[in-house]
Amino acid sequence: MATAQGITTDHYKLFPSPRNRQRTVFLHEVFVPHPYMLIDLESYHFKGKFSLFAACRLADMKMGQLVTLELPEDELKFKTRFVPD
């Protein structure tokens, strides 16, 4: 069984999605407090690069997902279009 390589930042403990094209944590971040929700980032048709991580927010140990985006306009696009199930 393969183990996921974790990444720790100042604010999160992250585990990259196997569907990521990049394992980079980009500058623009959106924490989604829905750890089991399927988020299809390809369907947003972002202009820049993006990545998705399973995340534990260190401040309160809240589990969720972290969407990271290269461009600020893509962050806005995600925030306005994302609707949790």
PDB file of N, CA and C in Angstrom:
ATOM      1  N   MET A   1       0.847  -1.186   0.000  1.00  0.00           N
ATOM      2  CA  MET A   1       0.000   0.000   0.000  1.00  0.00           C
ATOM      3  C   MET A   1       0.887   1.241   0.000  1.00  0.00           C
ATOM      4  N   ALA A   2       0.609   2.179  -0.873  1.00  0.00           N
ATOM      5  CA  ALA A   2       1.381   3.420  -0.958  1.00  0.00           C
ATOM      6  C   ALA A   2       0.924   4.388   0.128  1.00  0.00           C
ATOM      7  N   THR A   3       1.854   5.140   0.643  1.00  0.00           N
ATOM      8  CA  THR A   3       1.516   6.162   1.629  1.00  0.00           C
ATOM      9  C   THR A   3       1.643   7.532   0.989  1.00  0.00           C
ATOM     10  N   ALA A   4       0.743   8.426   1.346  1.00  0.00           N
ATOM     11  CA  ALA A   4       0.756   9.780   0.790  1.00  0.00           C
ATOM     12  C   ALA A   4       1.854  10.595   1.460  1.00  0.00           C
ATOM     13  N   GLN A   5       2.547  11.389   0.683  1.00  0.00           N
ATOM     14  CA  GLN A   5       3.584  12.265   1.198  1.00  0.00           C
ATOM     15  C   GLN A   5       2.934  13.555   1.665  1.00  0.00           C
ATOM     16  N   GLY A   6       3.010  13.844   2.937  1.00  0.00           N
ATOM     17  CA  GLY A   6       2.396  15.036   3.490  1.00  0.00           C
ATOM     18  C   GLY A   6       3.271  16.265   3.333  1.00  0.00           C
ATOM     19  N   ILE A   7       2.621  17.411   3.307  1.00  0.00           N
ATOM     20  CA  ILE A   7       3.286  18.716   3.229  1.00  0.00           C
ATOM     21  C   ILE A   7       2.751  19.537   4.393  1.00  0.00           C
ATOM     22  N   THR A   8       3.624  20.123   5.172  1.00  0.00           N
ATOM     23  CA  THR A   8       3.185  20.969   6.274  1.00  0.00           C
ATOM     24  C   THR A   8       3.574  22.405   5.975  1.00  0.00           C
ATOM     25  N   THR A   9       2.576  23.307   6.043  1.00  0.00           N
ATOM     26  CA  THR A   9       2.812  24.743   5.892  1.00  0.00           C
ATOM     27  C   THR A   9       2.596  25.391   7.255  1.00  0.00           C
ATOM     28  N   ASP A  10       2.643  26.696   7.310  1.00  0.00           N
ATOM     29  CA  ASP A  10       2.401  27.399   8.574  1.00  0.00           C
ATOM     30  C   ASP A  10       0.974  27.210   9.070  1.00  0.00           C
ATOM     31  N   HIS A  11       0.035  26.944   8.153  1.00  0.00           N
ATOM     32  CA  HIS A  11      -1.376  26.894   8.518  1.00  0.00           C
ATOM     33  C   HIS A  11      -2.052  25.543   8.322  1.00  0.00           C
ATOM     34  N   TYR A  12      -1.435  24.656   7.529  1.00  0.00           N
ATOM     35  CA  TYR A  12      -2.101  23.402   7.171  1.00  0.00           C
ATOM     36  C   TYR A  12      -1.142  22.220   7.151  1.00  0.00           C
ATOM     37  N   LYS A  13      -1.699  21.042   7.385  1.00  0.00           N
ATOM     38  CA  LYS A  13      -1.059  19.765   7.072  1.00  0.00           C
ATOM     39  C   LYS A  13      -1.800  19.272   5.841  1.00  0.00           C
ATOM     40  N   LEU A  14      -1.077  19.050   4.741  1.00  0.00           N
ATOM     41  CA  LEU A  14      -1.697  18.778   3.449  1.00  0.00           C
ATOM     42  C   LEU A  14      -1.285  17.427   2.883  1.00  0.00           C
ATOM     43  N   PHE A  15      -2.218  16.813   2.168  1.00  0.00           N
ATOM     44  CA  PHE A  15      -1.961  15.590   1.434  1.00  0.00           C
ATOM     45  C   PHE A  15      -2.486  15.782   0.024  1.00  0.00           C
ATOM     46  N   PRO A  16      -1.615  15.739  -0.987  1.00  0.00           N
ATOM     47  CA  PRO A  16      -2.036  16.049  -2.358  1.00  0.00           C
ATOM     48  C   PRO A  16      -3.009  15.027  -2.924  1.00  0.00           C
ATOM     49  N   SER A  17      -3.924  15.524  -3.727  1.00  0.00           N
ATOM     50  CA  SER A  17      -4.847  14.663  -4.452  1.00  0.00           C
ATOM     51  C   SER A  17      -4.065  13.906  -5.518  1.00  0.00           C
ATOM     52  N   PRO A  18      -4.363  12.627  -5.723  1.00  0.00           N
ATOM     53  CA  PRO A  18      -3.679  11.891  -6.795  1.00  0.00           C
ATOM     54  C   PRO A  18      -4.034  12.410  -8.189  1.00  0.00           C
ATOM     55  N   ARG A  19      -5.085  13.227  -8.295  1.00  0.00           N
ATOM     56  CA  ARG A  19      -5.488  13.785  -9.591  1.00  0.00           C
ATOM     57  C   ARG A  19      -4.759  15.085  -9.923  1.00  0.00           C
ATOM     58  N   ASN A  20      -3.946  15.600  -9.007  1.00  0.00           N
ATOM     59  CA  ASN A  20      -3.230  16.852  -9.251  1.00  0.00           C
ATOM     60  C   ASN A  20      -2.243  16.713 -10.399  1.00  0.00           C
ATOM     61  N   ARG A  21      -2.183  17.735 -11.234  1.00  0.00           N
ATOM     62  CA  ARG A  21      -1.135  17.823 -12.243  1.00  0.00           C
ATOM     63  C   ARG A  21       0.118  18.442 -11.623  1.00  0.00           C
ATOM     64  N   GLN A  22      -0.077  19.329 -10.655  1.00  0.00           N
ATOM     65  CA  GLN A  22       1.015  19.954  -9.917  1.00  0.00           C
ATOM     66  C   GLN A  22       0.835  19.629  -8.437  1.00  0.00           C
ATOM     67  N   ARG A  23       1.940  19.440  -7.744  1.00  0.00           N
ATOM     68  CA  ARG A  23       1.892  19.233  -6.295  1.00  0.00           C
ATOM     69  C   ARG A  23       2.275  20.521  -5.578  1.00  0.00           C
ATOM     70  N   THR A  24       2.195  21.624  -6.270  1.00  0.00           N
ATOM     71  CA  THR A  24       2.584  22.923  -5.742  1.00  0.00           C
ATOM     72  C   THR A  24       1.462  23.526  -4.914  1.00  0.00           C
ATOM     73  N   VAL A  25       1.842  24.165  -3.806  1.00  0.00           N
ATOM     74  CA  VAL A  25       0.882  24.955  -3.028  1.00  0.00           C
ATOM     75  C   VAL A  25       0.993  26.377  -3.560  1.00  0.00           C
ATOM     76  N   PHE A  26      -0.018  26.792  -4.313  1.00  0.00           N
ATOM     77  CA  PHE A  26       0.015  28.112  -4.944  1.00  0.00           C
ATOM     78  C   PHE A  26      -0.387  29.199  -3.946  1.00  0.00           C
ATOM     79  N   LEU A  27      -0.135  30.440  -4.304  1.00  0.00           N
ATOM     80  CA  LEU A  27      -0.321  31.593  -3.424  1.00  0.00           C
ATOM     81  C   LEU A  27      -1.767  31.790  -2.972  1.00  0.00           C
ATOM     82  N   HIS A  28      -2.714  31.587  -3.848  1.00  0.00           N
ATOM     83  CA  HIS A  28      -4.130  31.849  -3.540  1.00  0.00           C
ATOM     84  C   HIS A  28      -4.771  30.560  -3.050  1.00  0.00           C
ATOM     85  N   GLU A  29      -5.287  30.594  -1.816  1.00  0.00           N
ATOM     86  CA  GLU A  29      -5.797  29.395  -1.155  1.00  0.00           C
ATOM     87  C   GLU A  29      -7.246  29.583  -0.722  1.00  0.00           C
ATOM     88  N   VAL A  30      -8.031  28.520  -0.874  1.00  0.00           N
ATOM     89  CA  VAL A  30      -9.415  28.503  -0.394  1.00  0.00           C
ATOM     90  C   VAL A  30      -9.601  27.208   0.401  1.00  0.00           C
ATOM     91  N   PHE A  31      -9.883  27.341   1.697  1.00  0.00           N
ATOM     92  CA  PHE A  31     -10.152  26.174   2.536  1.00  0.00           C
ATOM     93  C   PHE A  31     -11.628  25.828   2.433  1.00  0.00           C
ATOM     94  N   VAL A  32     -11.918  24.572   2.128  1.00  0.00           N
ATOM     95  CA  VAL A  32     -13.284  24.080   1.993  1.00  0.00           C
ATOM     96  C   VAL A  32     -13.507  23.087   3.136  1.00  0.00           C
ATOM     97  N   PRO A  33     -14.392  23.394   4.092  1.00  0.00           N
ATOM     98  CA  PRO A  33     -14.551  22.532   5.265  1.00  0.00           C
ATOM     99  C   PRO A  33     -15.425  21.301   5.017  1.00  0.00           C
ATOM    100  N   HIS A  34     -15.251  20.680   3.869  1.00  0.00           N
ATOM    101  CA  HIS A  34     -16.014  19.492   3.482  1.00  0.00           C
ATOM    102  C   HIS A  34     -15.008  18.422   3.047  1.00  0.00           C
ATOM    103  N   PRO A  35     -14.504  17.623   3.991  1.00  0.00           N
ATOM    104  CA  PRO A  35     -13.409  16.701   3.662  1.00  0.00           C
ATOM    105  C   PRO A  35     -13.766  15.592   2.676  1.00  0.00           C
ATOM    106  N   TYR A  36     -15.027  15.242   2.554  1.00  0.00           N
ATOM    107  CA  TYR A  36     -15.398  14.111   1.699  1.00  0.00           C
ATOM    108  C   TYR A  36     -16.079  14.511   0.398  1.00  0.00           C
ATOM    109  N   MET A  37     -16.196  15.787   0.156  1.00  0.00           N
ATOM    110  CA  MET A  37     -16.867  16.263  -1.056  1.00  0.00           C
ATOM    111  C   MET A  37     -15.942  16.125  -2.271  1.00  0.00           C
ATOM    112  N   LEU A  38     -16.492  15.664  -3.371  1.00  0.00           N
ATOM    113  CA  LEU A  38     -15.732  15.579  -4.607  1.00  0.00           C
ATOM    114  C   LEU A  38     -15.686  16.972  -5.239  1.00  0.00           C
ATOM    115  N   ILE A  39     -14.488  17.493  -5.451  1.00  0.00           N
ATOM    116  CA  ILE A  39     -14.315  18.802  -6.086  1.00  0.00           C
ATOM    117  C   ILE A  39     -13.584  18.577  -7.402  1.00  0.00           C
ATOM    118  N   ASP A  40     -14.265  18.800  -8.513  1.00  0.00           N
ATOM    119  CA  ASP A  40     -13.690  18.622  -9.846  1.00  0.00           C
ATOM    120  C   ASP A  40     -13.163  19.964 -10.333  1.00  0.00           C
ATOM    121  N   LEU A  41     -11.911  20.235 -10.066  1.00  0.00           N
ATOM    122  CA  LEU A  41     -11.334  21.533 -10.427  1.00  0.00           C
ATOM    123  C   LEU A  41     -11.217  21.713 -11.938  1.00  0.00           C
ATOM    124  N   GLU A  42     -11.107  20.626 -12.687  1.00  0.00           N
ATOM    125  CA  GLU A  42     -11.029  20.734 -14.155  1.00  0.00           C
ATOM    126  C   GLU A  42     -12.276  21.421 -14.724  1.00  0.00           C
ATOM    127  N   SER A  43     -13.422  21.208 -14.101  1.00  0.00           N
ATOM    128  CA  SER A  43     -14.680  21.753 -14.630  1.00  0.00           C
ATOM    129  C   SER A  43     -14.790  23.279 -14.467  1.00  0.00           C
ATOM    130  N   TYR A  44     -13.900  23.875 -13.701  1.00  0.00           N
ATOM    131  CA  TYR A  44     -13.926  25.333 -13.530  1.00  0.00           C
ATOM    132  C   TYR A  44     -13.206  26.065 -14.672  1.00  0.00           C
ATOM    133  N   HIS A  45     -12.424  25.346 -15.446  1.00  0.00           N
ATOM    134  CA  HIS A  45     -11.699  25.918 -16.592  1.00  0.00           C
ATOM    135  C   HIS A  45     -10.890  27.156 -16.181  1.00  0.00           C
ATOM    136  N   PHE A  46     -10.046  26.978 -15.175  1.00  0.00           N
ATOM    137  CA  PHE A  46      -9.200  28.068 -14.698  1.00  0.00           C
ATOM    138  C   PHE A  46      -8.185  28.477 -15.761  1.00  0.00           C
ATOM    139  N   LYS A  47      -7.757  29.734 -15.707  1.00  0.00           N
ATOM    140  CA  LYS A  47      -6.744  30.237 -16.637  1.00  0.00           C
ATOM    141  C   LYS A  47      -5.340  29.805 -16.208  1.00  0.00           C
ATOM    142  N   GLY A  48      -5.122  29.723 -14.899  1.00  0.00           N
ATOM    143  CA  GLY A  48      -3.805  29.362 -14.382  1.00  0.00           C
ATOM    144  C   GLY A  48      -3.770  27.955 -13.818  1.00  0.00           C
ATOM    145  N   LYS A  49      -2.678  27.648 -13.170  1.00  0.00           N
ATOM    146  CA  LYS A  49      -2.492  26.334 -12.555  1.00  0.00           C
ATOM    147  C   LYS A  49      -3.244  26.259 -11.233  1.00  0.00           C
ATOM    148  N   PHE A  50      -3.525  25.035 -10.808  1.00  0.00           N
ATOM    149  CA  PHE A  50      -4.276  24.821  -9.567  1.00  0.00           C
ATOM    150  C   PHE A  50      -3.904  23.464  -8.988  1.00  0.00           C
ATOM    151  N   SER A  51      -4.206  23.276  -7.714  1.00  0.00           N
ATOM    152  CA  SER A  51      -4.000  21.988  -7.064  1.00  0.00           C
ATOM    153  C   SER A  51      -4.997  21.833  -5.926  1.00  0.00           C
ATOM    154  N   LEU A  52      -5.218  20.587  -5.546  1.00  0.00           N
ATOM    155  CA  LEU A  52      -6.175  20.250  -4.503  1.00  0.00           C
ATOM    156  C   LEU A  52      -5.494  19.350  -3.480  1.00  0.00           C
ATOM    157  N   PHE A  53      -5.757  19.622  -2.206  1.00  0.00           N
ATOM    158  CA  PHE A  53      -5.154  18.850  -1.128  1.00  0.00           C
ATOM    159  C   PHE A  53      -6.205  18.492  -0.092  1.00  0.00           C
ATOM    160  N   ALA A  54      -6.108  17.293   0.474  1.00  0.00           N
ATOM    161  CA  ALA A  54      -6.815  16.998   1.717  1.00  0.00           C
ATOM    162  C   ALA A  54      -6.073  17.810   2.767  1.00  0.00           C
ATOM    163  N   ALA A  55      -6.806  18.449   3.679  1.00  0.00           N
ATOM    164  CA  ALA A  55      -6.152  19.399   4.579  1.00  0.00           C
ATOM    165  C   ALA A  55      -6.649  19.285   6.008  1.00  0.00           C
ATOM    166  N   CYS A  56      -5.733  19.524   6.913  1.00  0.00           N
ATOM    167  CA  CYS A  56      -6.057  19.706   8.322  1.00  0.00           C
ATOM    168  C   CYS A  56      -5.594  21.114   8.680  1.00  0.00           C
ATOM    169  N   ARG A  57      -6.531  21.970   9.042  1.00  0.00           N
ATOM    170  CA  ARG A  57      -6.197  23.347   9.419  1.00  0.00           C
ATOM    171  C   ARG A  57      -5.612  23.299  10.827  1.00  0.00           C
ATOM    172  N   LEU A  58      -4.365  23.708  10.985  1.00  0.00           N
ATOM    173  CA  LEU A  58      -3.644  23.561  12.246  1.00  0.00           C
ATOM    174  C   LEU A  58      -4.205  24.428  13.371  1.00  0.00           C
ATOM    175  N   ALA A  59      -4.796  25.558  13.052  1.00  0.00           N
ATOM    176  CA  ALA A  59      -5.306  26.466  14.081  1.00  0.00           C
ATOM    177  C   ALA A  59      -6.386  25.823  14.936  1.00  0.00           C
ATOM    178  N   ASP A  60      -7.251  25.019  14.304  1.00  0.00           N
ATOM    179  CA  ASP A  60      -8.359  24.405  15.043  1.00  0.00           C
ATOM    180  C   ASP A  60      -8.519  22.911  14.759  1.00  0.00           C
ATOM    181  N   MET A  61      -7.568  22.342  14.001  1.00  0.00           N
ATOM    182  CA  MET A  61      -7.564  20.920  13.633  1.00  0.00           C
ATOM    183  C   MET A  61      -8.813  20.524  12.840  1.00  0.00           C
ATOM    184  N   LYS A  62      -9.401  21.475  12.138  1.00  0.00           N
ATOM    185  CA  LYS A  62     -10.571  21.230  11.284  1.00  0.00           C
ATOM    186  C   LYS A  62     -10.102  20.530  10.007  1.00  0.00           C
ATOM    187  N   MET A  63     -10.790  19.450   9.651  1.00  0.00           N
ATOM    188  CA  MET A  63     -10.468  18.712   8.431  1.00  0.00           C
ATOM    189  C   MET A  63     -11.270  19.284   7.260  1.00  0.00           C
ATOM    190  N   GLY A  64     -10.675  19.245   6.085  1.00  0.00           N
ATOM    191  CA  GLY A  64     -11.334  19.735   4.888  1.00  0.00           C
ATOM    192  C   GLY A  64     -10.449  19.529   3.682  1.00  0.00           C
ATOM    193  N   GLN A  65     -10.592  20.417   2.717  1.00  0.00           N
ATOM    194  CA  GLN A  65      -9.776  20.394   1.510  1.00  0.00           C
ATOM    195  C   GLN A  65      -9.265  21.801   1.251  1.00  0.00           C
ATOM    196  N   LEU A  66      -8.083  21.872   0.672  1.00  0.00           N
ATOM    197  CA  LEU A  66      -7.505  23.164   0.329  1.00  0.00           C
ATOM    198  C   LEU A  66      -7.314  23.224  -1.174  1.00  0.00           C
ATOM    199  N   VAL A  67      -7.966  24.200  -1.786  1.00  0.00           N
ATOM    200  CA  VAL A  67      -7.801  24.479  -3.213  1.00  0.00           C
ATOM    201  C   VAL A  67      -6.761  25.579  -3.295  1.00  0.00           C
ATOM    202  N   THR A  68      -5.697  25.363  -4.066  1.00  0.00           N
ATOM    203  CA  THR A  68      -4.705  26.416  -4.239  1.00  0.00           C
ATOM    204  C   THR A  68      -4.653  26.785  -5.716  1.00  0.00           C
ATOM    205  N   LEU A  69      -4.530  28.075  -5.969  1.00  0.00           N
ATOM    206  CA  LEU A  69      -4.640  28.596  -7.324  1.00  0.00           C
ATOM    207  C   LEU A  69      -3.511  29.577  -7.603  1.00  0.00           C
ATOM    208  N   GLU A  70      -3.051  29.570  -8.826  1.00  0.00           N
ATOM    209  CA  GLU A  70      -1.966  30.438  -9.248  1.00  0.00           C
ATOM    210  C   GLU A  70      -2.416  31.891  -9.423  1.00  0.00           C
ATOM    211  N   LEU A  71      -3.639  32.097  -9.910  1.00  0.00           N
ATOM    212  CA  LEU A  71      -4.109  33.441 -10.266  1.00  0.00           C
ATOM    213  C   LEU A  71      -5.243  33.912  -9.354  1.00  0.00           C
ATOM    214  N   PRO A  72      -5.242  35.200  -8.993  1.00  0.00           N
ATOM    215  CA  PRO A  72      -6.303  35.717  -8.119  1.00  0.00           C
ATOM    216  C   PRO A  72      -7.688  35.661  -8.768  1.00  0.00           C
ATOM    217  N   GLU A  73      -7.775  35.810 -10.085  1.00  0.00           N
ATOM    218  CA  GLU A  73      -9.077  35.735 -10.747  1.00  0.00           C
ATOM    219  C   GLU A  73      -9.647  34.320 -10.691  1.00  0.00           C
ATOM    220  N   ASP A  74      -8.781  33.323 -10.663  1.00  0.00           N
ATOM    221  CA  ASP A  74      -9.251  31.946 -10.517  1.00  0.00           C
ATOM    222  C   ASP A  74      -9.771  31.699  -9.097  1.00  0.00           C
ATOM    223  N   GLU A  75      -9.147  32.327  -8.108  1.00  0.00           N
ATOM    224  CA  GLU A  75      -9.641  32.227  -6.727  1.00  0.00           C
ATOM    225  C   GLU A  75     -11.047  32.805  -6.631  1.00  0.00           C
ATOM    226  N   LEU A  76     -11.256  33.957  -7.216  1.00  0.00           N
ATOM    227  CA  LEU A  76     -12.577  34.588  -7.212  1.00  0.00           C
ATOM    228  C   LEU A  76     -13.600  33.718  -7.947  1.00  0.00           C
ATOM    229  N   LYS A  77     -13.198  33.173  -9.079  1.00  0.00           N
ATOM    230  CA  LYS A  77     -14.081  32.298  -9.858  1.00  0.00           C
ATOM    231  C   LYS A  77     -14.504  31.085  -9.017  1.00  0.00           C
ATOM    232  N   PHE A  78     -13.552  30.462  -8.325  1.00  0.00           N
ATOM    233  CA  PHE A  78     -13.886  29.309  -7.492  1.00  0.00           C
ATOM    234  C   PHE A  78     -14.828  29.701  -6.361  1.00  0.00           C
ATOM    235  N   LYS A  79     -14.528  30.798  -5.676  1.00  0.00           N
ATOM    236  CA  LYS A  79     -15.354  31.231  -4.555  1.00  0.00           C
ATOM    237  C   LYS A  79     -16.786  31.553  -4.977  1.00  0.00           C
ATOM    238  N   THR A  80     -16.970  32.125  -6.169  1.00  0.00           N
ATOM    239  CA  THR A  80     -18.310  32.491  -6.599  1.00  0.00           C
ATOM    240  C   THR A  80     -19.088  31.303  -7.166  1.00  0.00           C
ATOM    241  N   ARG A  81     -18.399  30.305  -7.706  1.00  0.00           N
ATOM    242  CA  ARG A  81     -19.083  29.170  -8.342  1.00  0.00           C
ATOM    243  C   ARG A  81     -19.219  27.933  -7.450  1.00  0.00           C
ATOM    244  N   PHE A  82     -18.389  27.832  -6.431  1.00  0.00           N
ATOM    245  CA  PHE A  82     -18.415  26.620  -5.593  1.00  0.00           C
ATOM    246  C   PHE A  82     -19.674  26.588  -4.735  1.00  0.00           C
ATOM    247  N   VAL A  83     -20.372  25.467  -4.803  1.00  0.00           N
ATOM    248  CA  VAL A  83     -21.574  25.249  -3.990  1.00  0.00           C
ATOM    249  C   VAL A  83     -21.410  23.888  -3.317  1.00  0.00           C
ATOM    250  N   PRO A  84     -21.347  23.846  -1.985  1.00  0.00           N
ATOM    251  CA  PRO A  84     -21.212  22.549  -1.314  1.00  0.00           C
ATOM    252  C   PRO A  84     -22.491  21.720  -1.456  1.00  0.00           C
ATOM    253  N   ASP A  85     -22.307  20.423  -1.475  1.00  0.00           N
ATOM    254  CA  ASP A  85     -23.459  19.504  -1.553  1.00  0.00           C
ATOM    255  C   ASP A  85     -24.261  19.514  -0.281  1.00  0.00           C
TER     256      ASP A  85
END
